Amino acid sequence: MMKYLSEFRDSKAVRGLVEEIHAIPLDRKVKIMEVCGTHTMSIRKFGIHRLVEDEVELISGPGCPVCVTPVSYIDQAIMLAERDDVIITTFGDMLRVPGTEGSLEDRGRDVRVVYSPIESLKIAEENPSKKVVFLAVGFETTVPTIAATISEAHRRGIDNFYILEGNKIMPPAMRALLDDRNMQIDGFLLPGHVCTVSGYLQYRFIAEEYGRTAVVSGFEPVDILLAIREILLMVNNGKREIRNLYPRAVRPEGNRRAMELVNRIFKEADVEWRGLGNIPGSGLVLREEFERFRITQVIELPEIKSREHPLCLCGEVLKGKAKPEDCKLFGKGCTPEHPIGPCMVSSEGTCAAHYRYRSH
């Protein structure tokens, strides 16, 4: 049993786990997909993909919430940001994501980076003549804070705060990946941050319906290698189960109080994912009693023909069907300083991880 963070970075433990992984008698290379941007960054940062490359092909999936946000959403945000009567509040990752024409960074009139959506309420109170719009993008990890902000705005009667809905949930996207017969995935690293909030029981369908393995993992080197070893052992023994190797943070049912708040404010809806298309029940929109906080209730946004850069492979990367290095733009026209696709912009983007840690 390990109690301290330093133990999950211990080089002796890492070497021992790598040796155990090498000793597992596999008849083929096992394909494991991670669906969390923090896992993607950790795998590249610590060079884990190289430590186990003989046994495992590690595939990055749609784990970056900014990356899976469709270009149409970015275009809507830019249209709002160009208005004199609107203040946009957002997490920093959204600023440089390219829309059809430009980004919030170069097109917005009053765009403010916040560390929590609750900061938007103070901005709204200080600017009563403006509509303050928070860009509600993120998976289950960030939704509770957005729900809490809406609940607080409702309690305090703040009538100039709104959101542009863009939140998504992970299980339907994973189901869509498994329904794709061209995706031969043996197991998943389940997203530790998401599972901290929503639990891991909702992922049982991976084993029960699709006969695959999945392991909840933390984000340190020992965490990830423990999860990889567990998946390989289950594959080798013909077991198809969901297991939690992140018990210091994740419970089976997750954070019930947080999920109760989310379910009071939001309901599931069919939404579009970049690269994956429209996925039934994969998004969260406001319930009827909270619709007044939806910005499209008070500002009608015209339809535009959104388009992405024709050479950008971000959509294929998010599906696990291409690697960043397959893209002609990677490291050339597209870099973190001059991103062309969102996978190079976000701190959790696969292209950003591959570019940043190329020398590892």
Protein backbone atom coordinates (compact mmCIF):
# COMPACT_ATOMS: atom_id res chain seq x y z
CA MET A 1 0.00 0.00 0.00
CA MET A 2 1.37 3.38 -1.01
CA LYS A 3 0.37 6.47 0.98
CA TYR A 4 2.42 9.32 -0.42
CA LEU A 5 2.64 10.91 -3.86
CA SER A 6 6.40 10.41 -4.02
CA GLU A 7 5.86 6.64 -3.90
CA PHE A 8 3.93 6.84 -7.18
CA ARG A 9 7.00 8.38 -8.82
CA ASP A 10 9.55 5.96 -7.37
CA SER A 11 11.99 4.80 -10.06
CA LYS A 12 12.53 1.40 -8.42
CA ALA A 13 8.78 0.73 -8.45
CA VAL A 14 8.62 1.83 -12.09
CA ARG A 15 11.44 -0.53 -13.09
CA GLY A 16 9.79 -3.40 -11.24
CA LEU A 17 6.45 -2.85 -12.96
CA VAL A 18 8.06 -2.59 -16.38
CA GLU A 19 9.84 -5.90 -15.78
CA GLU A 20 6.54 -7.51 -14.74
CA ILE A 21 4.86 -6.18 -17.88
CA HIS A 22 7.67 -7.57 -20.07
CA ALA A 23 7.21 -10.98 -18.41
CA ILE A 24 3.49 -11.32 -19.26
CA PRO A 25 3.18 -13.98 -22.00
CA LEU A 26 1.25 -12.14 -24.72
CA ASP A 27 0.69 -13.47 -28.23
CA ARG A 28 0.21 -10.01 -29.73
CA LYS A 29 0.53 -6.32 -28.98
CA VAL A 30 -2.40 -5.10 -26.87
CA LYS A 31 -4.17 -1.85 -27.79
CA ILE A 32 -5.08 0.37 -24.85
CA MET A 33 -6.84 3.71 -25.22
CA GLU A 34 -6.74 6.48 -22.66
CA VAL A 35 -9.68 8.89 -22.67
CA CYS A 36 -8.28 11.61 -20.43
CA GLY A 37 -6.02 14.43 -21.54
CA THR A 38 -4.09 14.32 -18.27
CA HIS A 39 -3.26 10.66 -18.92
CA THR A 40 -2.09 11.60 -22.41
CA MET A 41 0.21 14.26 -21.03
CA SER A 42 1.57 11.99 -18.28
CA ILE A 43 2.24 9.11 -20.66
CA ARG A 44 4.27 11.38 -22.93
CA LYS A 45 5.94 13.36 -20.15
CA PHE A 46 7.26 10.26 -18.38
CA GLY A 47 7.97 8.31 -21.57
CA ILE A 48 5.66 5.46 -20.55
CA HIS A 49 4.79 4.70 -24.18
CA ARG A 50 8.44 3.84 -24.80
CA LEU A 51 8.80 1.69 -21.68
CA VAL A 52 6.06 -0.70 -22.81
CA GLU A 53 6.15 -0.31 -26.59
CA ASP A 54 6.91 -4.01 -27.19
CA GLU A 55 3.75 -5.11 -25.38
CA VAL A 56 1.32 -2.23 -25.74
CA GLU A 57 0.13 0.28 -28.29
CA LEU A 58 -1.12 3.26 -26.31
CA ILE A 59 -3.80 5.18 -28.22
CA SER A 60 -5.07 8.63 -27.29
CA GLY A 61 -8.85 9.04 -27.52
CA PRO A 62 -11.28 11.94 -27.11
CA GLY A 63 -10.02 12.91 -23.65
CA CYS A 64 -9.55 16.65 -24.17
CA PRO A 65 -12.82 18.61 -23.67
CA VAL A 66 -11.57 21.64 -25.57
CA CYS A 67 -10.45 19.46 -28.48
CA VAL A 68 -13.80 17.67 -28.89
CA THR A 69 -15.71 20.97 -28.90
CA PRO A 70 -16.91 21.41 -32.49
CA VAL A 71 -15.86 24.38 -34.57
CA SER A 72 -19.52 25.53 -34.72
CA TYR A 73 -19.39 26.16 -30.95
CA ILE A 74 -16.22 28.25 -31.33
CA ASP A 75 -17.90 30.24 -34.11
CA GLN A 76 -20.90 30.93 -31.86
CA ALA A 77 -18.61 32.05 -29.05
CA ILE A 78 -16.79 34.40 -31.41
CA MET A 79 -20.09 35.90 -32.62
CA LEU A 80 -21.04 36.61 -29.01
CA ALA A 81 -17.60 38.01 -28.23
CA GLU A 82 -17.88 40.51 -31.08
CA ARG A 83 -20.94 42.15 -29.52
CA ASP A 84 -20.62 45.36 -27.49
CA ASP A 85 -23.19 44.19 -24.94
CA VAL A 86 -21.45 40.87 -24.11
CA ILE A 87 -18.56 39.92 -21.84
CA ILE A 88 -17.22 36.41 -22.40
CA THR A 89 -15.72 34.50 -19.48
CA THR A 90 -13.85 31.29 -20.16
CA PHE A 91 -11.09 28.93 -19.13
CA GLY A 92 -7.81 29.89 -20.77
CA ASP A 93 -7.61 26.88 -23.10
CA MET A 94 -10.48 28.23 -25.18
CA LEU A 95 -8.85 31.53 -26.17
CA ARG A 96 -6.72 30.30 -29.06
CA VAL A 97 -8.88 27.48 -30.43
CA PRO A 98 -9.39 28.26 -34.13
CA GLY A 99 -12.90 28.85 -35.42
CA THR A 100 -13.84 29.14 -39.05
CA GLU A 101 -12.35 32.64 -39.10
CA GLY A 102 -9.94 33.47 -36.28
CA SER A 103 -10.22 32.76 -32.56
CA LEU A 104 -11.55 34.40 -29.42
CA GLU A 105 -8.09 35.80 -28.77
CA ASP A 106 -8.01 37.85 -31.96
CA ARG A 107 -11.74 38.45 -32.54
CA GLY A 108 -13.22 39.02 -29.09
CA ARG A 109 -13.88 42.52 -27.73
CA ASP A 110 -14.15 41.69 -24.02
CA VAL A 111 -13.00 38.16 -23.22
CA ARG A 112 -11.87 37.39 -19.67
CA VAL A 113 -10.10 34.27 -18.43
CA VAL A 114 -11.44 32.89 -15.14
CA TYR A 115 -10.16 30.05 -12.99
CA SER A 116 -13.67 29.12 -11.86
CA PRO A 117 -17.08 29.89 -13.40
CA ILE A 118 -18.18 31.38 -10.06
CA GLU A 119 -15.92 34.37 -10.83
CA SER A 120 -18.33 35.23 -13.63
CA LEU A 121 -21.01 36.21 -11.10
CA LYS A 122 -18.88 39.01 -9.66
CA ILE A 123 -18.19 40.25 -13.19
CA ALA A 124 -21.92 40.20 -13.91
CA GLU A 125 -22.72 42.18 -10.76
CA GLU A 126 -20.04 44.75 -11.60
CA ASN A 127 -21.33 45.13 -15.18
CA PRO A 128 -25.15 45.22 -14.93
CA SER A 129 -25.54 46.65 -18.44
CA LYS A 130 -23.68 43.74 -20.02
CA LYS A 131 -24.57 40.11 -20.63
CA VAL A 132 -21.86 37.95 -19.06
CA VAL A 133 -21.56 34.61 -20.88
CA PHE A 134 -19.48 31.73 -19.53
CA LEU A 135 -18.32 29.19 -22.10
CA ALA A 136 -19.50 25.97 -20.44
CA VAL A 137 -17.05 23.46 -21.90
CA GLY A 138 -15.80 20.38 -20.10
CA PHE A 139 -16.53 16.83 -19.00
CA GLU A 140 -18.02 15.61 -15.71
CA THR A 141 -15.06 17.03 -13.80
CA THR A 142 -16.00 20.68 -14.40
CA VAL A 143 -19.79 20.40 -14.64
CA PRO A 144 -20.45 20.50 -10.85
CA THR A 145 -18.80 23.91 -10.54
CA ILE A 146 -20.87 25.21 -13.45
CA ALA A 147 -24.03 23.79 -11.90
CA ALA A 148 -23.11 25.41 -8.58
CA THR A 149 -22.59 28.75 -10.33
CA ILE A 150 -26.01 28.58 -11.97
CA SER A 151 -27.61 27.58 -8.69
CA GLU A 152 -25.96 30.55 -6.95
CA ALA A 153 -26.97 32.97 -9.74
CA HIS A 154 -30.54 31.71 -9.39
CA ARG A 155 -30.45 32.16 -5.61
CA ARG A 156 -29.06 35.69 -5.83
CA GLY A 157 -31.31 36.74 -8.69
CA ILE A 158 -28.45 37.69 -11.03
CA ASP A 159 -30.26 38.22 -14.31
CA ASN A 160 -27.34 39.10 -16.64
CA PHE A 161 -25.35 35.88 -16.29
CA TYR A 162 -25.64 33.16 -18.95
CA ILE A 163 -23.82 30.13 -20.31
CA LEU A 164 -23.19 28.88 -23.83
CA GLU A 165 -23.88 25.17 -23.36
CA GLY A 166 -21.08 22.84 -24.40
CA ASN A 167 -20.59 20.29 -21.61
CA LYS A 168 -20.19 16.63 -22.49
CA ILE A 169 -20.12 13.27 -20.70
CA MET A 170 -17.73 10.46 -21.50
CA PRO A 171 -19.62 7.09 -21.46
CA PRO A 172 -21.67 7.68 -24.66
CA ALA A 173 -18.52 8.68 -26.54
CA MET A 174 -16.79 5.48 -25.44
CA ARG A 175 -19.81 3.51 -26.59
CA ALA A 176 -19.56 5.23 -29.98
CA LEU A 177 -15.89 4.24 -30.23
CA LEU A 178 -16.69 0.62 -29.37
CA ASP A 179 -19.48 0.55 -31.95
CA ASP A 180 -16.93 1.40 -34.64
CA ARG A 181 -15.83 -1.98 -36.01
CA ASN A 182 -12.61 -0.44 -37.31
CA MET A 183 -11.51 0.37 -33.76
CA GLN A 184 -9.86 -2.72 -32.28
CA ILE A 185 -9.43 -1.59 -28.68
CA ASP A 186 -8.57 -4.23 -26.06
CA GLY A 187 -8.88 -2.06 -22.97
CA PHE A 188 -9.30 1.44 -21.62
CA LEU A 189 -7.59 3.59 -19.06
CA LEU A 190 -10.66 5.20 -17.51
CA PRO A 191 -10.44 8.92 -16.68
CA GLY A 192 -9.51 9.33 -13.02
CA HIS A 193 -10.71 12.92 -12.65
CA VAL A 194 -14.07 12.18 -14.26
CA CYS A 195 -14.55 9.05 -12.15
CA THR A 196 -13.82 11.04 -9.00
CA VAL A 197 -17.06 12.91 -9.70
CA SER A 198 -19.29 10.40 -11.50
CA GLY A 199 -17.85 7.09 -10.27
CA TYR A 200 -17.00 4.11 -12.44
CA LEU A 201 -20.13 1.96 -12.25
CA GLN A 202 -21.46 3.65 -15.38
CA TYR A 203 -18.62 2.05 -17.37
CA ARG A 204 -19.68 -1.53 -16.69
CA PHE A 205 -21.13 -1.74 -20.20
CA ILE A 206 -17.57 -1.87 -21.55
CA ALA A 207 -17.13 -5.35 -20.05
CA GLU A 208 -20.73 -6.55 -19.98
CA GLU A 209 -21.77 -5.51 -23.51
CA TYR A 210 -18.50 -5.23 -25.43
CA GLY A 211 -16.26 -7.76 -23.67
CA ARG A 212 -13.40 -5.33 -23.08
CA THR A 213 -11.40 -4.48 -19.99
CA ALA A 214 -11.13 -1.07 -18.31
CA VAL A 215 -9.18 0.21 -15.33
CA VAL A 216 -9.59 3.46 -13.39
CA SER A 217 -6.15 4.98 -13.05
CA GLY A 218 -4.42 7.89 -11.39
CA PHE A 219 -1.89 10.01 -13.24
CA GLU A 220 1.54 9.26 -11.81
CA PRO A 221 3.94 6.82 -13.54
CA VAL A 222 3.28 3.99 -11.06
CA ASP A 223 -0.49 4.60 -11.36
CA ILE A 224 -0.43 4.24 -15.12
CA LEU A 225 1.92 1.25 -15.20
CA LEU A 226 -0.19 -0.54 -12.56
CA ALA A 227 -3.24 -0.01 -14.77
CA ILE A 228 -1.44 -1.22 -17.90
CA ARG A 229 -0.22 -4.33 -16.07
CA GLU A 230 -3.76 -5.01 -14.83
CA ILE A 231 -5.23 -4.72 -18.31
CA LEU A 232 -2.56 -7.01 -19.79
CA LEU A 233 -3.12 -9.63 -17.11
CA MET A 234 -6.88 -9.58 -17.70
CA VAL A 235 -6.43 -9.82 -21.47
CA ASN A 236 -3.98 -12.69 -21.03
CA ASN A 237 -6.34 -14.53 -18.67
CA GLY A 238 -9.44 -13.92 -20.76
CA LYS A 239 -11.09 -11.73 -18.11
CA ARG A 240 -13.32 -8.79 -19.05
CA GLU A 241 -13.84 -6.60 -16.02
CA ILE A 242 -13.88 -3.02 -14.76
CA ARG A 243 -11.43 -2.40 -11.94
CA ASN A 244 -10.52 0.60 -9.80
CA LEU A 245 -6.81 1.17 -9.16
CA TYR A 246 -7.36 4.75 -8.01
CA PRO A 247 -9.15 4.13 -4.69
CA ARG A 248 -7.44 7.05 -2.97
CA ALA A 249 -9.66 9.37 -5.04
CA VAL A 250 -12.41 7.31 -6.72
CA ARG A 251 -15.41 5.56 -5.22
CA PRO A 252 -17.74 3.27 -7.19
CA GLU A 253 -20.62 5.77 -7.04
CA GLY A 254 -18.43 8.88 -7.27
CA ASN A 255 -19.36 12.10 -5.51
CA ARG A 256 -23.08 11.74 -4.93
CA ARG A 257 -23.60 15.29 -3.73
CA ALA A 258 -21.92 16.73 -6.82
CA MET A 259 -23.92 14.49 -9.16
CA GLU A 260 -27.20 15.38 -7.44
CA LEU A 261 -26.46 19.05 -8.09
CA VAL A 262 -25.57 18.37 -11.73
CA ASN A 263 -28.75 16.35 -12.29
CA ARG A 264 -30.86 19.12 -10.72
CA ILE A 265 -29.52 21.74 -13.13
CA PHE A 266 -28.79 19.76 -16.30
CA LYS A 267 -30.28 16.99 -18.42
CA GLU A 268 -28.73 14.81 -21.12
CA ALA A 269 -29.03 15.73 -24.80
CA ASP A 270 -27.69 14.70 -28.20
CA VAL A 271 -24.67 16.85 -29.07
CA GLU A 272 -21.91 17.07 -31.63
CA TRP A 273 -18.31 16.06 -30.92
CA ARG A 274 -15.42 17.10 -33.12
CA GLY A 275 -14.36 14.04 -35.08
CA LEU A 276 -17.09 11.78 -33.68
CA GLY A 277 -20.18 13.57 -34.97
CA ASN A 278 -23.52 13.69 -33.15
CA ILE A 279 -23.62 11.26 -30.22
CA PRO A 280 -26.98 10.54 -28.52
CA GLY A 281 -27.20 11.50 -24.86
CA SER A 282 -23.59 12.68 -24.70
CA GLY A 283 -24.15 16.31 -23.77
CA LEU A 284 -25.65 18.32 -20.94
CA VAL A 285 -28.15 21.15 -21.43
CA LEU A 286 -30.08 23.21 -18.91
CA ARG A 287 -33.36 21.90 -17.56
CA GLU A 288 -36.49 23.91 -18.30
CA GLU A 289 -36.54 25.68 -14.92
CA PHE A 290 -33.02 27.04 -15.57
CA GLU A 291 -33.34 27.85 -19.27
CA ARG A 292 -33.20 31.58 -18.58
CA PHE A 293 -29.44 31.12 -18.09
CA ARG A 294 -29.05 29.89 -21.68
CA ILE A 295 -27.66 32.77 -23.75
CA THR A 296 -29.43 31.60 -26.91
CA GLN A 297 -32.72 32.32 -25.12
CA VAL A 298 -31.97 36.06 -25.25
CA ILE A 299 -29.60 36.36 -28.24
CA GLU A 300 -30.45 34.65 -31.49
CA LEU A 301 -27.30 33.45 -33.21
CA PRO A 302 -27.47 33.13 -37.00
CA GLU A 303 -26.46 29.87 -38.61
CA ILE A 304 -23.11 29.91 -40.35
CA LYS A 305 -21.30 27.29 -42.38
CA SER A 306 -18.52 26.29 -40.03
CA ARG A 307 -15.44 24.65 -41.48
CA GLU A 308 -12.11 23.32 -40.28
CA HIS A 309 -8.71 23.50 -41.92
CA PRO A 310 -8.80 20.87 -44.69
CA LEU A 311 -5.41 19.39 -43.73
CA CYS A 312 -5.97 19.23 -39.97
CA LEU A 313 -6.27 15.65 -38.66
CA CYS A 314 -7.48 16.59 -35.18
CA GLY A 315 -10.79 14.76 -35.69
CA GLU A 316 -9.01 11.54 -36.67
CA VAL A 317 -6.58 11.90 -33.76
CA LEU A 318 -9.50 12.20 -31.34
CA LYS A 319 -10.95 8.95 -32.70
CA GLY A 320 -7.62 7.19 -32.24
CA LYS A 321 -7.37 6.57 -35.99
CA ALA A 322 -4.38 8.84 -36.56
CA LYS A 323 -1.35 9.94 -34.61
CA PRO A 324 -0.28 13.59 -34.54
CA GLU A 325 2.82 12.73 -36.58
CA ASP A 326 0.54 11.52 -39.40
CA CYS A 327 -0.65 15.10 -39.95
CA LYS A 328 1.21 17.11 -42.59
CA LEU A 329 0.82 20.22 -40.45
CA PHE A 330 2.27 18.75 -37.24
CA GLY A 331 5.37 20.63 -36.08
CA LYS A 332 5.44 22.61 -39.32
CA GLY A 333 2.46 24.89 -39.94
CA CYS A 334 0.87 23.78 -36.66
CA THR A 335 2.75 24.38 -33.40
CA PRO A 336 1.69 25.50 -29.91
CA GLU A 337 2.77 29.04 -30.85
CA HIS A 338 0.75 28.95 -34.09
CA PRO A 339 -1.95 26.27 -33.67
CA ILE A 340 -4.15 25.30 -36.56
CA GLY A 341 -6.21 22.67 -34.72
CA PRO A 342 -7.45 22.47 -31.11
CA CYS A 343 -5.40 19.34 -30.40
CA MET A 344 -2.31 21.58 -30.52
CA VAL A 345 -3.89 24.36 -28.43
CA SER A 346 -5.13 22.73 -25.26
CA SER A 347 -2.85 21.78 -22.37
CA GLU A 348 -4.54 18.35 -22.62
CA GLY A 349 -4.39 18.03 -26.40
CA THR A 350 -2.77 14.97 -27.95
CA CYS A 351 -0.85 16.98 -30.55
CA ALA A 352 0.40 19.36 -27.85
CA ALA A 353 1.61 16.38 -25.77
CA HIS A 354 3.40 14.76 -28.70
CA TYR A 355 5.01 18.08 -29.68
CA ARG A 356 6.02 19.11 -26.17
CA TYR A 357 7.61 15.79 -25.27
CA ARG A 358 9.06 14.79 -28.63
CA SER A 359 12.55 14.41 -27.16
CA HIS A 360 11.45 12.07 -24.36
